């Protein structure tokens, strides 16, 4: 029978591999990330506010940014499947120098969230 020579299989080269320490470190990092992901997911599931709530807040942020860039100060309604966003634009306490912008999120005729902002009126001339 032919004798197997361990050196002949690798042709005198050392095989590249991870050390035990590197493997333990990699497993520890993965374990910590899985633990953090589990905590975040369980908090999201147990949260009183559904994902639509956070989507509505993001939509409000986009509307407010668009209002600032377009300078289109008017009230409007934005309808979604699970919620409605109402944007109210009025003069702040009758002062034509400042607009008060209010966003009201409702779902099933119930107030869910509101946010108010004050903006300078760029068209105001003294």
Protein backbone atom coordinates (compact mmCIF):
# COMPACT_ATOMS: atom_id res chain seq x y z
CA UNK A 1 0.00 0.00 0.00
CA UNK A 2 1.12 3.46 -0.75
CA UNK A 3 2.07 5.53 2.19
CA UNK A 4 0.32 8.90 2.51
CA UNK A 5 2.63 11.78 3.03
CA UNK A 6 0.96 14.78 4.69
CA UNK A 7 3.35 17.18 3.03
CA UNK A 8 2.49 15.95 -0.44
CA UNK A 9 -1.16 17.08 -0.11
CA UNK A 10 -0.23 20.68 0.62
CA UNK A 11 2.93 20.73 -1.48
CA UNK A 12 4.91 22.19 1.39
CA UNK A 13 2.58 25.17 1.93
CA UNK A 14 0.78 25.96 5.17
CA UNK A 15 -3.01 26.13 4.90
CA UNK A 16 -4.55 29.47 5.82
CA UNK A 17 -6.97 29.21 8.72
CA UNK A 18 -8.40 31.18 11.59
CA UNK A 19 -6.93 30.78 15.03
CA UNK A 20 -9.07 29.73 17.95
CA UNK A 21 -8.85 33.24 19.41
CA UNK A 22 -10.11 34.89 16.19
CA UNK A 23 -13.02 32.47 16.04
CA UNK A 24 -13.99 33.18 19.67
CA UNK A 25 -13.86 36.94 19.05
CA UNK A 26 -16.04 36.62 15.93
CA UNK A 27 -18.60 34.50 17.81
CA UNK A 28 -18.63 37.00 20.70
CA UNK A 29 -19.28 39.94 18.32
CA UNK A 30 -22.06 38.06 16.54
CA UNK A 31 -23.62 37.13 19.91
CA UNK A 32 -23.63 40.77 21.06
CA UNK A 33 -25.22 41.93 17.78
CA UNK A 34 -27.91 39.23 18.01
CA UNK A 35 -28.62 40.28 21.61
CA UNK A 36 -29.03 43.94 20.63
CA UNK A 37 -31.23 43.04 17.66
CA UNK A 38 -33.43 40.87 19.90
CA UNK A 39 -33.90 43.69 22.42
CA UNK A 40 -34.74 46.24 19.70
CA UNK A 41 -37.20 43.86 18.03
CA UNK A 42 -38.94 42.97 21.30
CA UNK A 43 -39.30 46.68 22.17
CA UNK A 44 -40.77 47.35 18.75
CA UNK A 45 -43.26 44.49 19.08
CA UNK A 46 -44.28 45.54 22.60
CA UNK A 47 -44.54 49.21 21.68
CA UNK A 48 -47.95 50.82 21.95
CA UNK A 49 -47.35 52.69 18.73
CA UNK A 50 -47.49 50.74 15.48
CA UNK A 51 -45.04 51.21 12.64
CA UNK A 52 -47.58 53.48 10.91
CA UNK A 53 -47.03 56.01 13.73
CA UNK A 54 -43.35 56.31 12.84
CA UNK A 55 -44.20 56.45 9.14
CA UNK A 56 -46.56 59.35 9.87
CA UNK A 57 -43.84 61.21 11.78
CA UNK A 58 -41.45 60.71 8.86
CA UNK A 59 -44.13 61.97 6.43
CA UNK A 60 -44.62 65.08 8.62
CA UNK A 61 -40.89 65.76 8.54
CA UNK A 62 -40.89 65.51 4.74
CA UNK A 63 -43.94 67.80 4.44
CA UNK A 64 -42.38 70.37 6.75
CA UNK A 65 -39.12 70.33 4.78
CA UNK A 66 -41.05 70.71 1.52
CA UNK A 67 -43.07 73.57 3.00
CA UNK A 68 -39.84 75.38 3.93
CA UNK A 69 -38.22 74.91 0.53
CA UNK A 70 -41.28 75.58 -1.67
CA UNK A 71 -42.62 78.45 0.47
CA UNK A 72 -46.13 77.15 -0.29
CA UNK A 73 -47.94 78.12 2.91
CA UNK A 74 -51.38 76.53 2.62
CA UNK A 75 -53.38 73.94 4.51
CA UNK A 76 -53.82 70.45 3.10
CA UNK A 77 -54.84 66.88 3.94
CA UNK A 78 -52.71 63.81 3.21
CA UNK A 79 -54.65 60.54 3.21
CA UNK A 80 -53.03 57.16 3.87
CA UNK A 81 -54.54 53.72 4.44
CA UNK A 82 -54.24 53.76 8.23
CA UNK A 83 -53.95 57.46 9.08
CA UNK A 84 -54.60 61.00 7.86
CA UNK A 85 -52.25 63.95 8.22
CA UNK A 86 -53.78 67.42 8.33
CA UNK A 87 -51.46 70.37 7.73
CA UNK A 88 -52.91 73.65 9.04
CA UNK A 89 -51.14 76.89 8.15
CA UNK A 90 -52.30 80.09 9.88
CA UNK A 91 -50.86 83.40 11.00
CA UNK A 92 -49.49 83.10 14.52
CA UNK A 93 -51.83 85.08 16.83
CA UNK A 94 -52.82 87.33 13.91
CA UNK A 95 -49.19 88.34 13.32
CA UNK A 96 -48.58 88.31 9.56
CA UNK A 97 -44.81 88.07 10.06
CA UNK A 98 -45.03 84.52 11.41
CA UNK A 99 -46.86 81.40 10.24
CA UNK A 100 -47.92 78.69 12.65
CA UNK A 101 -47.84 75.28 10.99
CA UNK A 102 -49.65 72.46 12.79
CA UNK A 103 -49.65 68.83 11.78
CA UNK A 104 -52.37 66.58 13.16
CA UNK A 105 -52.31 62.83 12.63
CA UNK A 106 -55.62 61.04 13.08
CA UNK A 107 -56.58 57.41 12.76
CA UNK A 108 -60.14 56.13 12.88
CA UNK A 109 -61.37 59.62 13.94
CA UNK A 110 -59.00 59.60 16.93
CA UNK A 111 -56.19 62.14 17.45
CA UNK A 112 -52.93 60.23 17.34
CA UNK A 113 -50.15 62.82 17.22
CA UNK A 114 -49.69 66.55 16.72
CA UNK A 115 -46.70 68.76 16.02
CA UNK A 116 -46.45 72.56 15.80
CA UNK A 117 -43.86 74.82 14.16
CA UNK A 118 -43.37 78.56 13.69
CA UNK A 119 -41.98 79.92 10.43
CA UNK A 120 -41.13 83.44 9.33
CA UNK A 121 -43.27 84.78 6.49
CA UNK A 122 -40.84 85.40 3.62
CA UNK A 123 -43.44 87.50 1.72
CA UNK A 124 -44.08 89.94 4.56
CA UNK A 125 -43.28 93.53 3.63
CA UNK A 126 -43.42 96.29 6.24
